[in-house]
Amino acid sequence: MLALQGAFALHLQAIERLAAAGLSVEGVPVKTADELAECDALIMPGGESTTMSMLLDSQELFAPLKAAIINGLPVFGTCAGMILLSSEILDGRSDQNCFGALDMKVRRNAYGAQVESFETPLDVAGLDEPFHAVFIRAPGVEALGAGVEVVSEHQGQPVLCRSGSVMACSFHPELTDDDRLHRLFLETIVGV
């Protein structure tokens, strides 16, 4: 769990619930390159993408994480994590970095300001029942490359995508008690 900023503690709780339910996983916070080197997979939480980008640089974690992603580290990014995993950030700061792990253009705060946050049920490929999604200053996917699979949409716009060992969503699955997206990532991407 990338633990520099954002809602990482809630993601850790989701992983703990899945471990208690019998999934062979352990959630650990990651703040250094040495801790990253011990991980079999990583969740990049929601939070503030420009702050996360600066912290990744100041903690000297950006380059090791980019190398790990290139070498196939399974990663699940939520909200700000999706922004950082994209190939292009629209409306980002000029010094904001992204990993280019998913071939897509993402616009920060595409769904509006904090007061325009909303919750909605989403149909998700691989899940039998809709997932209750929480959108807070959520990014929007404006363009997708050929290798990116759309797993869920909201009003015709991609909000959950994956490609190879990377999965990302515009919303905050950690803000619910529904751990099915974490399980989907661990079972289909990580292979746990």
N, C-alpha and C. Protein backbone atom coordinates (compact mmCIF):
# COMPACT_ATOMS: atom_id res chain seq x y z
N MET A 1 0.83 -1.18 0.00
CA MET A 1 0.00 0.00 0.00
C MET A 1 0.88 1.24 0.00
N LEU A 2 0.81 2.04 -1.07
CA LEU A 2 1.56 3.29 -1.08
C LEU A 2 1.01 4.17 0.03
N ALA A 3 1.86 4.54 0.99
CA ALA A 3 1.40 5.20 2.21
C ALA A 3 2.03 6.57 2.39
N LEU A 4 2.13 7.34 1.31
CA LEU A 4 2.71 8.67 1.40
C LEU A 4 1.67 9.73 1.73
N GLN A 5 0.46 9.54 1.23
CA GLN A 5 -0.61 10.52 1.38
C GLN A 5 -1.89 9.86 0.91
N GLY A 6 -3.02 10.33 1.38
CA GLY A 6 -4.29 9.82 0.89
C GLY A 6 -4.90 8.76 1.80
N ALA A 7 -5.88 8.04 1.26
CA ALA A 7 -6.71 7.13 2.03
C ALA A 7 -6.13 5.72 2.13
N PHE A 8 -4.82 5.62 2.34
CA PHE A 8 -4.19 4.29 2.36
C PHE A 8 -4.65 3.44 3.54
N ALA A 9 -4.97 4.03 4.69
CA ALA A 9 -5.38 3.25 5.86
C ALA A 9 -6.67 2.49 5.59
N LEU A 10 -7.59 3.08 4.84
CA LEU A 10 -8.84 2.39 4.53
C LEU A 10 -8.61 1.24 3.56
N HIS A 11 -7.67 1.39 2.63
CA HIS A 11 -7.30 0.28 1.75
C HIS A 11 -6.67 -0.85 2.56
N LEU A 12 -5.83 -0.51 3.51
CA LEU A 12 -5.23 -1.53 4.37
C LEU A 12 -6.30 -2.31 5.13
N GLN A 13 -7.33 -1.61 5.59
CA GLN A 13 -8.43 -2.29 6.27
C GLN A 13 -9.15 -3.26 5.34
N ALA A 14 -9.34 -2.87 4.09
CA ALA A 14 -9.98 -3.76 3.11
C ALA A 14 -9.14 -5.02 2.91
N ILE A 15 -7.83 -4.86 2.81
CA ILE A 15 -6.94 -6.02 2.65
C ILE A 15 -6.99 -6.90 3.90
N GLU A 16 -7.03 -6.29 5.08
CA GLU A 16 -7.14 -7.06 6.33
C GLU A 16 -8.44 -7.86 6.36
N ARG A 17 -9.54 -7.28 5.89
CA ARG A 17 -10.82 -8.01 5.85
C ARG A 17 -10.73 -9.20 4.89
N LEU A 18 -10.08 -9.00 3.74
CA LEU A 18 -9.93 -10.10 2.79
C LEU A 18 -9.04 -11.20 3.36
N ALA A 19 -8.00 -10.81 4.08
CA ALA A 19 -7.13 -11.81 4.73
C ALA A 19 -7.92 -12.59 5.77
N ALA A 20 -8.76 -11.89 6.54
CA ALA A 20 -9.58 -12.55 7.57
C ALA A 20 -10.61 -13.49 6.93
N ALA A 21 -11.00 -13.19 5.68
CA ALA A 21 -11.95 -14.03 4.95
C ALA A 21 -11.27 -15.20 4.26
N GLY A 22 -9.94 -15.32 4.41
CA GLY A 22 -9.24 -16.48 3.88
C GLY A 22 -8.36 -16.24 2.68
N LEU A 23 -8.33 -15.02 2.15
CA LEU A 23 -7.44 -14.73 1.03
C LEU A 23 -6.01 -14.63 1.55
N SER A 24 -5.07 -15.19 0.82
CA SER A 24 -3.68 -15.23 1.26
C SER A 24 -2.98 -13.92 0.91
N VAL A 25 -3.27 -12.85 1.69
CA VAL A 25 -2.70 -11.53 1.47
C VAL A 25 -2.32 -10.89 2.80
N GLU A 26 -1.39 -9.94 2.71
CA GLU A 26 -1.03 -9.13 3.86
C GLU A 26 -0.79 -7.71 3.36
N GLY A 27 -1.45 -6.76 3.99
CA GLY A 27 -1.26 -5.37 3.62
C GLY A 27 -0.18 -4.72 4.46
N VAL A 28 0.76 -4.05 3.79
CA VAL A 28 1.82 -3.33 4.51
C VAL A 28 1.97 -1.94 3.88
N PRO A 29 2.22 -0.92 4.71
CA PRO A 29 2.45 0.41 4.16
C PRO A 29 3.81 0.51 3.48
N VAL A 30 3.85 1.23 2.36
CA VAL A 30 5.09 1.41 1.60
C VAL A 30 5.41 2.90 1.54
N LYS A 31 6.58 3.25 2.08
CA LYS A 31 7.04 4.64 2.05
C LYS A 31 8.45 4.78 1.49
N THR A 32 9.13 3.66 1.29
CA THR A 32 10.52 3.70 0.81
C THR A 32 10.73 2.70 -0.32
N ALA A 33 11.81 2.87 -1.05
CA ALA A 33 12.16 1.94 -2.13
C ALA A 33 12.44 0.55 -1.57
N ASP A 34 13.04 0.45 -0.39
CA ASP A 34 13.29 -0.86 0.22
C ASP A 34 11.99 -1.58 0.54
N GLU A 35 11.01 -0.85 1.06
CA GLU A 35 9.70 -1.46 1.34
C GLU A 35 9.01 -1.86 0.05
N LEU A 36 9.12 -1.04 -0.98
CA LEU A 36 8.54 -1.37 -2.28
C LEU A 36 9.13 -2.66 -2.84
N ALA A 37 10.43 -2.85 -2.67
CA ALA A 37 11.12 -4.03 -3.19
C ALA A 37 10.60 -5.32 -2.58
N GLU A 38 9.96 -5.25 -1.42
CA GLU A 38 9.41 -6.42 -0.73
C GLU A 38 7.99 -6.76 -1.17
N CYS A 39 7.37 -5.92 -2.00
CA CYS A 39 5.96 -6.08 -2.38
C CYS A 39 5.77 -6.96 -3.60
N ASP A 40 4.69 -7.73 -3.57
CA ASP A 40 4.27 -8.51 -4.72
C ASP A 40 3.24 -7.76 -5.56
N ALA A 41 2.62 -6.73 -4.98
CA ALA A 41 1.61 -5.91 -5.65
C ALA A 41 1.50 -4.61 -4.85
N LEU A 42 0.88 -3.59 -5.46
CA LEU A 42 0.78 -2.30 -4.79
C LEU A 42 -0.57 -1.66 -5.08
N ILE A 43 -1.15 -1.05 -4.07
CA ILE A 43 -2.34 -0.21 -4.24
C ILE A 43 -1.91 1.24 -4.07
N MET A 44 -2.29 2.07 -5.04
CA MET A 44 -2.02 3.51 -4.97
C MET A 44 -3.36 4.19 -4.66
N PRO A 45 -3.49 4.77 -3.46
CA PRO A 45 -4.79 5.27 -3.01
C PRO A 45 -5.19 6.60 -3.63
N GLY A 46 -6.44 6.96 -3.34
CA GLY A 46 -6.90 8.31 -3.65
C GLY A 46 -6.23 9.28 -2.70
N GLY A 47 -6.31 10.53 -3.03
CA GLY A 47 -5.69 11.60 -2.27
C GLY A 47 -5.54 12.79 -3.19
N GLU A 48 -4.43 13.47 -3.13
CA GLU A 48 -4.17 14.62 -3.99
C GLU A 48 -3.00 14.27 -4.90
N SER A 49 -3.28 14.17 -6.19
CA SER A 49 -2.29 13.63 -7.14
C SER A 49 -1.03 14.48 -7.24
N THR A 50 -1.15 15.81 -7.18
CA THR A 50 0.06 16.63 -7.28
C THR A 50 0.93 16.46 -6.04
N THR A 51 0.29 16.37 -4.87
CA THR A 51 1.03 16.14 -3.63
C THR A 51 1.72 14.77 -3.67
N MET A 52 0.99 13.75 -4.13
CA MET A 52 1.59 12.41 -4.22
C MET A 52 2.78 12.42 -5.18
N SER A 53 2.63 13.11 -6.30
CA SER A 53 3.72 13.18 -7.27
C SER A 53 4.96 13.82 -6.64
N MET A 54 4.76 14.91 -5.91
CA MET A 54 5.90 15.58 -5.26
C MET A 54 6.51 14.69 -4.17
N LEU A 55 5.67 13.98 -3.40
CA LEU A 55 6.19 13.10 -2.35
C LEU A 55 6.94 11.91 -2.94
N LEU A 56 6.45 11.37 -4.05
CA LEU A 56 7.17 10.28 -4.71
C LEU A 56 8.57 10.73 -5.12
N ASP A 57 8.67 11.97 -5.59
CA ASP A 57 9.98 12.51 -5.96
C ASP A 57 10.84 12.77 -4.73
N SER A 58 10.28 13.44 -3.71
CA SER A 58 11.10 13.81 -2.54
C SER A 58 11.54 12.59 -1.74
N GLN A 59 10.75 11.51 -1.78
CA GLN A 59 11.11 10.28 -1.07
C GLN A 59 11.96 9.35 -1.95
N GLU A 60 12.31 9.84 -3.14
CA GLU A 60 13.10 9.06 -4.10
C GLU A 60 12.46 7.71 -4.40
N LEU A 61 11.13 7.75 -4.56
CA LEU A 61 10.36 6.54 -4.79
C LEU A 61 9.80 6.47 -6.22
N PHE A 62 9.77 7.61 -6.92
CA PHE A 62 9.18 7.61 -8.26
C PHE A 62 9.92 6.67 -9.21
N ALA A 63 11.23 6.81 -9.32
CA ALA A 63 12.01 5.98 -10.27
C ALA A 63 11.93 4.50 -9.92
N PRO A 64 12.10 4.09 -8.65
CA PRO A 64 11.98 2.66 -8.35
C PRO A 64 10.57 2.12 -8.62
N LEU A 65 9.55 2.93 -8.35
CA LEU A 65 8.19 2.46 -8.61
C LEU A 65 7.94 2.35 -10.11
N LYS A 66 8.41 3.31 -10.87
CA LYS A 66 8.25 3.23 -12.33
C LYS A 66 8.94 1.98 -12.87
N ALA A 67 10.15 1.71 -12.40
CA ALA A 67 10.87 0.51 -12.84
C ALA A 67 10.11 -0.76 -12.45
N ALA A 68 9.55 -0.79 -11.25
CA ALA A 68 8.79 -1.96 -10.80
C ALA A 68 7.55 -2.17 -11.67
N ILE A 69 6.87 -1.08 -12.01
CA ILE A 69 5.68 -1.18 -12.87
C ILE A 69 6.08 -1.69 -14.26
N ILE A 70 7.15 -1.15 -14.81
CA ILE A 70 7.64 -1.61 -16.12
C ILE A 70 7.98 -3.10 -16.08
N ASN A 71 8.50 -3.55 -14.94
CA ASN A 71 8.87 -4.97 -14.78
C ASN A 71 7.69 -5.85 -14.38
N GLY A 72 6.47 -5.30 -14.38
CA GLY A 72 5.28 -6.12 -14.19
C GLY A 72 4.66 -6.12 -12.81
N LEU A 73 5.07 -5.23 -11.90
CA LEU A 73 4.44 -5.18 -10.58
C LEU A 73 2.95 -4.90 -10.75
N PRO A 74 2.07 -5.75 -10.23
CA PRO A 74 0.64 -5.47 -10.29
C PRO A 74 0.31 -4.25 -9.42
N VAL A 75 -0.44 -3.31 -10.00
CA VAL A 75 -0.79 -2.08 -9.32
C VAL A 75 -2.27 -1.78 -9.51
N PHE A 76 -2.92 -1.35 -8.44
CA PHE A 76 -4.32 -0.90 -8.46
C PHE A 76 -4.33 0.54 -7.98
N GLY A 77 -4.72 1.47 -8.85
CA GLY A 77 -4.79 2.88 -8.49
C GLY A 77 -6.22 3.35 -8.39
N THR A 78 -6.53 4.06 -7.30
CA THR A 78 -7.87 4.61 -7.13
C THR A 78 -7.80 6.13 -7.09
N CYS A 79 -8.66 6.78 -7.85
CA CYS A 79 -8.77 8.24 -7.93
C CYS A 79 -7.42 8.87 -8.26
N ALA A 80 -6.72 9.44 -7.29
CA ALA A 80 -5.40 10.03 -7.56
C ALA A 80 -4.44 8.97 -8.09
N GLY A 81 -4.58 7.73 -7.62
CA GLY A 81 -3.76 6.64 -8.13
C GLY A 81 -3.97 6.42 -9.61
N MET A 82 -5.22 6.57 -10.07
CA MET A 82 -5.51 6.46 -11.51
C MET A 82 -4.80 7.57 -12.27
N ILE A 83 -4.83 8.78 -11.74
CA ILE A 83 -4.18 9.90 -12.39
C ILE A 83 -2.69 9.61 -12.57
N LEU A 84 -2.05 9.15 -11.51
CA LEU A 84 -0.61 8.89 -11.55
C LEU A 84 -0.26 7.72 -12.47
N LEU A 85 -1.16 6.77 -12.65
CA LEU A 85 -0.89 5.62 -13.51
C LEU A 85 -1.13 5.91 -14.99
N SER A 86 -1.76 7.04 -15.29
CA SER A 86 -2.09 7.37 -16.68
C SER A 86 -0.84 7.73 -17.49
N SER A 87 -1.05 7.84 -18.80
CA SER A 87 0.05 8.25 -19.68
C SER A 87 0.08 9.76 -19.89
N GLU A 88 -1.04 10.43 -19.59
CA GLU A 88 -1.08 11.89 -19.71
C GLU A 88 -2.10 12.45 -18.74
N ILE A 89 -1.68 13.48 -17.99
CA ILE A 89 -2.55 14.15 -17.04
C ILE A 89 -2.98 15.49 -17.64
N LEU A 90 -4.30 15.64 -17.82
CA LEU A 90 -4.84 16.90 -18.32
C LEU A 90 -5.18 17.78 -17.12
N ASP A 91 -4.86 19.03 -17.18
CA ASP A 91 -5.08 20.00 -16.09
C ASP A 91 -4.18 19.76 -14.89
N GLY A 92 -3.09 19.03 -15.07
CA GLY A 92 -2.14 18.83 -13.98
C GLY A 92 -1.12 19.96 -13.96
N ARG A 93 -0.31 19.98 -12.93
CA ARG A 93 0.79 20.95 -12.86
C ARG A 93 1.85 20.56 -13.88
N SER A 94 2.61 21.52 -14.34
CA SER A 94 3.63 21.26 -15.35
C SER A 94 4.73 20.33 -14.84
N ASP A 95 4.95 20.32 -13.52
CA ASP A 95 5.99 19.46 -12.95
C ASP A 95 5.44 18.14 -12.40
N GLN A 96 4.16 17.87 -12.66
CA GLN A 96 3.54 16.65 -12.14
C GLN A 96 3.90 15.46 -13.03
N ASN A 97 4.38 14.41 -12.40
CA ASN A 97 4.79 13.19 -13.13
C ASN A 97 3.67 12.16 -13.12
N CYS A 98 3.69 11.31 -14.14
CA CYS A 98 2.82 10.14 -14.16
C CYS A 98 3.63 8.95 -14.68
N PHE A 99 3.14 7.76 -14.41
CA PHE A 99 3.91 6.55 -14.69
C PHE A 99 3.72 6.00 -16.11
N GLY A 100 2.65 6.40 -16.80
CA GLY A 100 2.41 5.88 -18.14
C GLY A 100 2.10 4.39 -18.14
N ALA A 101 1.57 3.88 -17.04
CA ALA A 101 1.28 2.45 -16.92
C ALA A 101 0.00 2.05 -17.66
N LEU A 102 -0.91 3.00 -17.80
CA LEU A 102 -2.13 2.78 -18.57
C LEU A 102 -2.16 3.81 -19.69
N ASP A 103 -2.35 3.36 -20.91
CA ASP A 103 -2.36 4.24 -22.06
C ASP A 103 -3.69 4.99 -22.12
N MET A 104 -3.77 6.07 -21.32
CA MET A 104 -4.99 6.86 -21.30
C MET A 104 -4.69 8.28 -20.83
N LYS A 105 -5.52 9.19 -21.32
CA LYS A 105 -5.46 10.58 -20.88
C LYS A 105 -6.52 10.78 -19.82
N VAL A 106 -6.10 11.37 -18.70
CA VAL A 106 -7.00 11.53 -17.55
C VAL A 106 -7.05 13.00 -17.17
N ARG A 107 -8.26 13.51 -16.97
CA ARG A 107 -8.43 14.89 -16.51
C ARG A 107 -8.71 14.90 -15.02
N ARG A 108 -7.91 15.67 -14.29
CA ARG A 108 -8.10 15.82 -12.85
C ARG A 108 -9.44 16.52 -12.58
N ASN A 109 -10.12 16.12 -11.51
CA ASN A 109 -11.37 16.75 -11.06
C ASN A 109 -12.42 16.86 -12.17
N ALA A 110 -12.47 15.90 -13.06
CA ALA A 110 -13.40 15.95 -14.20
C ALA A 110 -14.86 15.92 -13.77
N TYR A 111 -15.14 15.32 -12.62
CA TYR A 111 -16.52 15.23 -12.15
C TYR A 111 -16.90 16.39 -11.24
N GLY A 112 -16.04 17.40 -11.14
CA GLY A 112 -16.38 18.59 -10.38
C GLY A 112 -15.67 18.70 -9.06
N ALA A 113 -16.01 19.76 -8.35
CA ALA A 113 -15.40 20.08 -7.06
C ALA A 113 -15.95 19.16 -5.97
N GLN A 114 -15.40 19.31 -4.78
CA GLN A 114 -15.79 18.50 -3.61
C GLN A 114 -17.31 18.50 -3.40
N VAL A 115 -17.95 19.67 -3.54
CA VAL A 115 -19.40 19.76 -3.29
C VAL A 115 -20.21 19.01 -4.34
N GLU A 116 -19.60 18.63 -5.44
CA GLU A 116 -20.30 17.89 -6.49
C GLU A 116 -20.04 16.38 -6.40
N SER A 117 -19.50 15.95 -5.28
CA SER A 117 -19.26 14.51 -5.06
C SER A 117 -20.59 13.77 -5.10
N PHE A 118 -20.54 12.50 -5.48
CA PHE A 118 -21.77 11.72 -5.57
C PHE A 118 -21.46 10.23 -5.41
N GLU A 119 -22.52 9.47 -5.18
CA GLU A 119 -22.43 8.02 -5.08
C GLU A 119 -23.41 7.42 -6.06
N THR A 120 -23.02 6.29 -6.66
CA THR A 120 -23.88 5.66 -7.66
C THR A 120 -23.54 4.18 -7.79
N PRO A 121 -24.53 3.34 -8.11
CA PRO A 121 -24.22 1.93 -8.39
C PRO A 121 -23.62 1.79 -9.79
N LEU A 122 -22.61 0.93 -9.90
CA LEU A 122 -21.96 0.68 -11.19
C LEU A 122 -21.99 -0.80 -11.52
N ASP A 123 -22.28 -1.12 -12.76
CA ASP A 123 -22.10 -2.48 -13.24
C ASP A 123 -20.62 -2.67 -13.55
N VAL A 124 -20.04 -3.73 -13.00
CA VAL A 124 -18.62 -4.01 -13.16
C VAL A 124 -18.46 -5.39 -13.75
N ALA A 125 -17.73 -5.49 -14.86
CA ALA A 125 -17.46 -6.80 -15.46
C ALA A 125 -16.75 -7.68 -14.44
N GLY A 126 -17.29 -8.89 -14.24
CA GLY A 126 -16.70 -9.82 -13.28
C GLY A 126 -17.41 -9.83 -11.93
N LEU A 127 -18.33 -8.88 -11.71
CA LEU A 127 -19.10 -8.86 -10.46
C LEU A 127 -20.57 -9.14 -10.78
N ASP A 128 -21.21 -9.94 -9.92
CA ASP A 128 -22.60 -10.32 -10.14
C ASP A 128 -23.59 -9.20 -9.83
N GLU A 129 -23.26 -8.38 -8.85
CA GLU A 129 -24.14 -7.30 -8.41
C GLU A 129 -23.45 -5.96 -8.62
N PRO A 130 -24.22 -4.87 -8.79
CA PRO A 130 -23.59 -3.55 -8.94
C PRO A 130 -22.71 -3.19 -7.74
N PHE A 131 -21.69 -2.38 -8.01
CA PHE A 131 -20.79 -1.89 -6.98
C PHE A 131 -21.17 -0.46 -6.65
N HIS A 132 -21.31 -0.15 -5.34
CA HIS A 132 -21.66 1.20 -4.90
C HIS A 132 -20.39 2.06 -4.93
N ALA A 133 -20.31 2.97 -5.88
CA ALA A 133 -19.10 3.77 -6.09
C ALA A 133 -19.26 5.17 -5.50
N VAL A 134 -18.17 5.64 -4.87
CA VAL A 134 -18.12 6.97 -4.27
C VAL A 134 -17.14 7.82 -5.09
N PHE A 135 -17.67 8.88 -5.72
CA PHE A 135 -16.87 9.77 -6.55
C PHE A 135 -16.64 11.08 -5.79
N ILE A 136 -15.37 11.42 -5.53
CA ILE A 136 -15.00 12.65 -4.84
C ILE A 136 -13.91 13.34 -5.66
N ARG A 137 -14.22 14.50 -6.23
CA ARG A 137 -13.25 15.21 -7.08
C ARG A 137 -12.57 14.22 -8.04
N ALA A 138 -13.37 13.40 -8.64
CA ALA A 138 -12.87 12.24 -9.40
C ALA A 138 -12.29 12.63 -10.75
N PRO A 139 -11.24 11.90 -11.16
CA PRO A 139 -10.69 12.11 -12.50
C PRO A 139 -11.59 11.47 -13.56
N GLY A 140 -11.50 11.98 -14.77
CA GLY A 140 -12.24 11.42 -15.89
C GLY A 140 -11.29 10.96 -16.97
N VAL A 141 -11.59 9.83 -17.56
CA VAL A 141 -10.79 9.30 -18.66
C VAL A 141 -11.30 9.93 -19.95
N GLU A 142 -10.41 10.65 -20.64
CA GLU A 142 -10.81 11.34 -21.87
C GLU A 142 -10.37 10.63 -23.14
N ALA A 143 -9.37 9.76 -23.04
CA ALA A 143 -8.94 9.00 -24.21
C ALA A 143 -8.26 7.72 -23.74
N LEU A 144 -8.50 6.64 -24.47
CA LEU A 144 -7.93 5.33 -24.14
C LEU A 144 -7.10 4.81 -25.30
N GLY A 145 -5.99 4.15 -24.97
CA GLY A 145 -5.21 3.45 -25.97
C GLY A 145 -5.84 2.10 -26.27
N ALA A 146 -5.39 1.46 -27.32
CA ALA A 146 -5.98 0.20 -27.79
C ALA A 146 -5.87 -0.93 -26.78
N GLY A 147 -4.85 -0.93 -25.93
CA GLY A 147 -4.64 -2.04 -25.01
C GLY A 147 -5.34 -1.90 -23.68
N VAL A 148 -6.17 -0.88 -23.50
CA VAL A 148 -6.84 -0.65 -22.22
C VAL A 148 -8.27 -1.17 -22.28
N GLU A 149 -8.60 -2.05 -21.35
CA GLU A 149 -9.94 -2.64 -21.25
C GLU A 149 -10.79 -1.83 -20.29
N VAL A 150 -12.00 -1.48 -20.70
CA VAL A 150 -12.94 -0.79 -19.82
C VAL A 150 -13.72 -1.85 -19.06
N VAL A 151 -13.63 -1.80 -17.74
CA VAL A 151 -14.29 -2.78 -16.87
C VAL A 151 -15.61 -2.25 -16.34
N SER A 152 -15.73 -0.92 -16.25
CA SER A 152 -16.98 -0.29 -15.81
C SER A 152 -17.05 1.13 -16.37
N GLU A 153 -18.28 1.57 -16.60
CA GLU A 153 -18.53 2.92 -17.09
C GLU A 153 -19.58 3.60 -16.22
N HIS A 154 -19.55 4.93 -16.24
CA HIS A 154 -20.59 5.75 -15.63
C HIS A 154 -21.04 6.73 -16.70
N GLN A 155 -22.30 6.65 -17.07
CA GLN A 155 -22.88 7.51 -18.12
C GLN A 155 -22.02 7.51 -19.38
N GLY A 156 -21.58 6.30 -19.78
CA GLY A 156 -20.83 6.13 -21.01
C GLY A 156 -19.35 6.47 -20.93
N GLN A 157 -18.87 6.89 -19.75
CA GLN A 157 -17.46 7.23 -19.58
C GLN A 157 -16.74 6.14 -18.79
N PRO A 158 -15.55 5.72 -19.21
CA PRO A 158 -14.79 4.71 -18.45
C PRO A 158 -14.46 5.21 -17.04
N VAL A 159 -14.72 4.38 -16.04
CA VAL A 159 -14.37 4.73 -14.66
C VAL A 159 -13.56 3.63 -13.96
N LEU A 160 -13.45 2.46 -14.60
CA LEU A 160 -12.63 1.36 -14.10
C LEU A 160 -12.01 0.69 -15.31
N CYS A 161 -10.68 0.70 -15.37
CA CYS A 161 -9.96 0.19 -16.53
C CYS A 161 -8.82 -0.71 -16.08
N ARG A 162 -8.37 -1.56 -16.99
CA ARG A 162 -7.19 -2.37 -16.70
C ARG A 162 -6.45 -2.69 -18.00
N SER A 163 -5.17 -2.95 -17.81
CA SER A 163 -4.31 -3.36 -18.91
C SER A 163 -3.15 -4.11 -18.31
N GLY A 164 -2.97 -5.35 -18.72
CA GLY A 164 -1.88 -6.16 -18.18
C GLY A 164 -1.99 -6.27 -16.67
N SER A 165 -0.96 -5.86 -15.96
CA SER A 165 -0.94 -6.00 -14.50
C SER A 165 -1.37 -4.74 -13.77
N VAL A 166 -2.04 -3.82 -14.50
CA VAL A 166 -2.45 -2.54 -13.90
C VAL A 166 -3.96 -2.37 -14.01
N MET A 167 -4.57 -1.93 -12.89
CA MET A 167 -6.00 -1.65 -12.84
C MET A 167 -6.17 -0.30 -12.15
N ALA A 168 -7.14 0.49 -12.60
CA ALA A 168 -7.35 1.81 -11.98
C ALA A 168 -8.82 2.21 -12.09
N CYS A 169 -9.27 2.96 -11.07
CA CYS A 169 -10.64 3.46 -11.08
C CYS A 169 -10.68 4.93 -10.69
N SER A 170 -11.74 5.61 -11.15
CA SER A 170 -11.93 7.04 -10.87
C SER A 170 -12.46 7.30 -9.46
N PHE A 171 -13.02 6.29 -8.85
CA PHE A 171 -13.75 6.46 -7.59
C PHE A 171 -12.98 5.85 -6.42
N HIS A 172 -13.61 5.81 -5.26
CA HIS A 172 -12.98 5.38 -4.01
C HIS A 172 -13.63 4.10 -3.46
N PRO A 173 -13.19 2.92 -3.89
CA PRO A 173 -13.80 1.69 -3.35
C PRO A 173 -13.50 1.49 -1.87
N GLU A 174 -12.45 2.12 -1.35
CA GLU A 174 -12.08 1.96 0.05
C GLU A 174 -13.05 2.67 0.99
N LEU A 175 -13.93 3.53 0.46
CA LEU A 175 -14.89 4.25 1.30
C LEU A 175 -16.18 3.47 1.52
N THR A 176 -16.20 2.22 1.08
CA THR A 176 -17.34 1.34 1.33
C THR A 176 -16.82 0.11 2.07
N ASP A 177 -17.75 -0.70 2.55
CA ASP A 177 -17.37 -1.98 3.17
C ASP A 177 -17.37 -3.11 2.14
N ASP A 178 -17.52 -2.77 0.88
CA ASP A 178 -17.57 -3.74 -0.20
C ASP A 178 -16.14 -3.93 -0.73
N ASP A 179 -15.58 -5.09 -0.48
CA ASP A 179 -14.18 -5.36 -0.85
C ASP A 179 -14.04 -6.09 -2.19
N ARG A 180 -15.11 -6.13 -2.98
CA ARG A 180 -15.07 -6.91 -4.22
C ARG A 180 -14.07 -6.38 -5.24
N LEU A 181 -13.84 -5.07 -5.31
CA LEU A 181 -12.86 -4.57 -6.28
C LEU A 181 -11.44 -4.90 -5.83
N HIS A 182 -11.19 -4.83 -4.55
CA HIS A 182 -9.87 -5.26 -4.04
C HIS A 182 -9.67 -6.75 -4.34
N ARG A 183 -10.72 -7.54 -4.12
CA ARG A 183 -10.65 -8.98 -4.41
C ARG A 183 -10.46 -9.21 -5.91
N LEU A 184 -11.18 -8.45 -6.74
CA LEU A 184 -11.03 -8.58 -8.20
C LEU A 184 -9.60 -8.31 -8.61
N PHE A 185 -9.00 -7.25 -8.07
CA PHE A 185 -7.59 -6.95 -8.36
C PHE A 185 -6.69 -8.09 -7.91
N LEU A 186 -6.87 -8.54 -6.70
CA LEU A 186 -5.98 -9.58 -6.16
C LEU A 186 -6.14 -10.91 -6.88
N GLU A 187 -7.35 -11.25 -7.25
CA GLU A 187 -7.59 -12.55 -7.89
C GLU A 187 -7.27 -12.53 -9.39
N THR A 188 -7.66 -11.46 -10.09
CA THR A 188 -7.49 -11.46 -11.55
C THR A 188 -6.17 -10.86 -12.02
N ILE A 189 -5.65 -9.89 -11.29
CA ILE A 189 -4.40 -9.24 -11.70
C ILE A 189 -3.21 -9.85 -11.00
N VAL A 190 -3.31 -10.00 -9.68
CA VAL A 190 -2.19 -10.52 -8.89
C VAL A 190 -2.15 -12.05 -8.94
N GLY A 191 -3.33 -12.69 -9.00
CA GLY A 191 -3.39 -14.14 -9.03
C GLY A 191 -3.33 -14.79 -7.67
N VAL A 192 -3.85 -14.09 -6.65
CA VAL A 192 -3.86 -14.63 -5.27
C VAL A 192 -5.02 -15.59 -5.12
